[in-house]
Protein backbone atom coordinates (compact mmCIF):
# COMPACT_ATOMS: atom_id res chain seq x y z
CA MET A 1 -8.05 -5.76 9.76
CA ASN A 2 -5.15 -4.73 11.99
CA ASP A 3 -1.57 -4.64 10.60
CA GLN A 4 -0.59 -7.15 13.28
CA ALA A 5 -3.11 -9.82 12.27
CA ALA A 6 -2.96 -12.59 14.83
CA GLY A 7 -1.29 -15.75 13.63
CA VAL A 8 -0.45 -14.43 10.17
CA HIS A 9 3.17 -13.77 11.01
CA ASP A 10 4.74 -14.30 14.36
CA ALA A 11 7.63 -11.82 14.06
CA ALA A 12 5.49 -8.74 14.66
CA LEU A 13 5.93 -7.54 11.09
CA THR A 14 3.24 -5.25 9.77
CA GLN A 15 1.31 -6.28 6.67
CA ARG A 16 3.08 -3.46 4.81
CA GLU A 17 6.53 -4.70 5.88
CA LEU A 18 5.65 -8.27 5.01
CA ALA A 19 4.35 -7.24 1.57
CA ALA A 20 7.53 -5.24 0.85
CA LEU A 21 9.72 -8.16 1.94
CA ARG A 22 7.70 -10.58 -0.21
CA GLU A 23 8.08 -8.26 -3.19
CA ASP A 24 11.84 -8.11 -2.62
CA LEU A 25 12.09 -11.89 -2.33
CA GLU A 26 10.02 -12.42 -5.46
CA GLU A 27 12.24 -9.95 -7.34
CA GLN A 28 15.33 -11.83 -6.14
CA ARG A 29 13.73 -15.08 -7.24
CA ARG A 30 13.06 -13.74 -10.76
CA PHE A 31 16.61 -12.37 -10.98
CA ARG A 32 18.18 -15.70 -9.93
CA LEU A 33 15.99 -17.69 -12.34
CA ASP A 34 16.98 -15.34 -15.20
CA GLN A 35 20.62 -15.61 -14.14
CA LEU A 36 20.45 -19.43 -14.18
CA ARG A 37 18.80 -19.39 -17.61
CA GLU A 38 21.71 -17.27 -18.88
CA PHE A 39 24.26 -19.69 -17.42
CA GLY A 40 22.38 -22.53 -19.10
CA ARG A 41 22.86 -21.03 -22.53
CA HIS A 42 25.88 -22.23 -24.44
CA ARG A 43 28.44 -19.49 -25.02
CA PRO A 44 29.74 -19.65 -28.57
CA VAL A 45 33.48 -19.64 -29.16
CA SER A 46 34.63 -16.30 -30.47
CA PRO A 47 34.70 -16.32 -34.29
CA SER A 48 38.05 -14.54 -34.17
CA ALA A 49 39.56 -17.21 -31.92
CA PRO A 50 42.47 -19.09 -33.50
CA ARG A 51 41.60 -22.60 -34.66
CA GLN A 52 44.97 -24.19 -33.86
CA GLY A 53 48.45 -23.60 -32.47
CA PRO A 54 49.63 -21.94 -29.24
CA ALA A 55 47.11 -19.12 -29.51
CA ARG A 56 44.27 -21.69 -29.63
CA ALA A 57 45.65 -23.35 -26.49
CA GLY A 58 45.48 -20.00 -24.71
CA THR A 59 41.92 -19.50 -25.91
CA ALA A 60 40.99 -23.01 -24.77
CA ARG A 61 42.41 -22.29 -21.30
CA ALA A 62 40.45 -19.04 -21.18
CA ASP A 63 37.28 -20.89 -22.27
CA THR A 64 37.85 -23.50 -19.55
CA ALA A 65 38.44 -20.82 -16.92
CA ARG A 66 35.30 -18.98 -18.04
CA ALA A 67 33.28 -22.21 -17.84
CA GLU A 68 34.58 -22.88 -14.30
CA ILE A 69 33.69 -19.36 -13.20
CA ASP A 70 30.23 -19.69 -14.75
CA ALA A 71 29.74 -23.02 -12.97
CA ARG A 72 30.65 -21.48 -9.61
CA LEU A 73 28.41 -18.47 -10.21
CA ALA A 74 25.55 -20.77 -11.22
CA GLU A 75 26.02 -22.84 -8.05
CA SER A 76 25.96 -19.66 -5.96
CA ALA A 77 22.81 -18.50 -7.75
CA ARG A 78 21.16 -21.90 -7.07
CA MET A 79 22.03 -21.63 -3.36
CA VAL A 80 20.62 -18.09 -3.09
CA LEU A 81 17.53 -19.17 -5.03
CA ALA A 82 16.97 -22.05 -2.60
CA ASP A 83 17.26 -19.62 0.35
CA VAL A 84 14.82 -17.20 -1.29
CA GLU A 85 12.31 -19.94 -2.06
CA ALA A 86 12.60 -21.26 1.51
CA ALA A 87 11.88 -17.76 2.84
CA LEU A 88 8.81 -17.46 0.59
CA GLU A 89 7.64 -20.85 1.84
CA ARG A 90 8.07 -19.71 5.46
CA MET A 91 5.97 -16.65 4.59
CA ASP A 92 3.23 -18.87 3.20
CA ARG A 93 3.30 -21.10 6.30
CA GLY A 94 3.38 -18.17 8.73
CA GLY A 95 6.83 -18.79 10.21
CA TYR A 96 8.71 -16.07 8.33
CA GLY A 97 10.66 -13.66 10.48
CA ARG A 98 11.38 -16.16 13.26
CA CYS A 99 14.80 -17.68 13.89
CA LEU A 100 14.91 -21.34 12.86
CA LEU A 101 17.06 -22.20 15.88
CA CYS A 102 15.61 -20.28 18.83
CA SER A 103 12.24 -19.14 17.39
CA ARG A 104 12.84 -15.55 18.49
CA PRO A 105 11.70 -12.81 16.11
CA ILE A 106 14.29 -11.59 13.62
CA PRO A 107 14.32 -7.78 13.67
CA ALA A 108 12.59 -6.18 10.67
CA ARG A 109 15.73 -4.14 9.96
CA MET A 110 17.75 -7.34 9.58
CA LEU A 111 15.09 -8.82 7.27
CA GLU A 112 15.15 -5.65 5.16
CA ILE A 113 18.88 -6.12 4.61
CA VAL A 114 18.77 -9.90 4.01
CA PRO A 115 15.12 -10.90 3.58
CA GLN A 116 15.95 -14.60 3.21
CA THR A 117 17.81 -14.74 6.52
CA ARG A 118 16.98 -17.77 8.68
CA TYR A 119 18.62 -16.87 11.97
CA CYS A 120 18.57 -14.04 14.46
CA ALA A 121 21.83 -12.16 15.09
CA HIS A 122 22.46 -14.04 18.34
CA CYS A 123 22.16 -17.51 16.76
CA ARG A 124 24.16 -16.41 13.72
CA ARG A 125 26.99 -15.19 15.98
CA THR A 126 26.84 -18.35 18.09
CA GLY A 127 26.96 -20.52 14.96
CA GLU A 128 29.93 -18.61 13.58
CA THR A 129 31.91 -19.02 16.79
CA ARG A 130 31.37 -22.82 16.67
CA ARG A 131 33.08 -23.10 13.28
């Protein structure tokens, strides 16, 4: 079978390129799932943390700040995971590597850098100028 199997992927990616991109996306997916599992674990309060007084208030503020940072990182990980899973779904359906707005092929080099990308450079630039 030819590397450019008709209908398998419309962006003119070779089977080798597509396999490498899938592997990268699946690795990203595993990483994000592991990351989210870590954020889901309760972090114990330091045993050396003061139990009361002004020092405890400082520790409580630090714990709150850490929890807020973890929440933001977890949200970011969920967003990236959703993008990665959407890219894998596009691969399965045969639409991977095509811009979701204009349907033009996304260059392989761009997909190598950000394999979950949804838009070609032109549509990305146009979308950014509309903001």
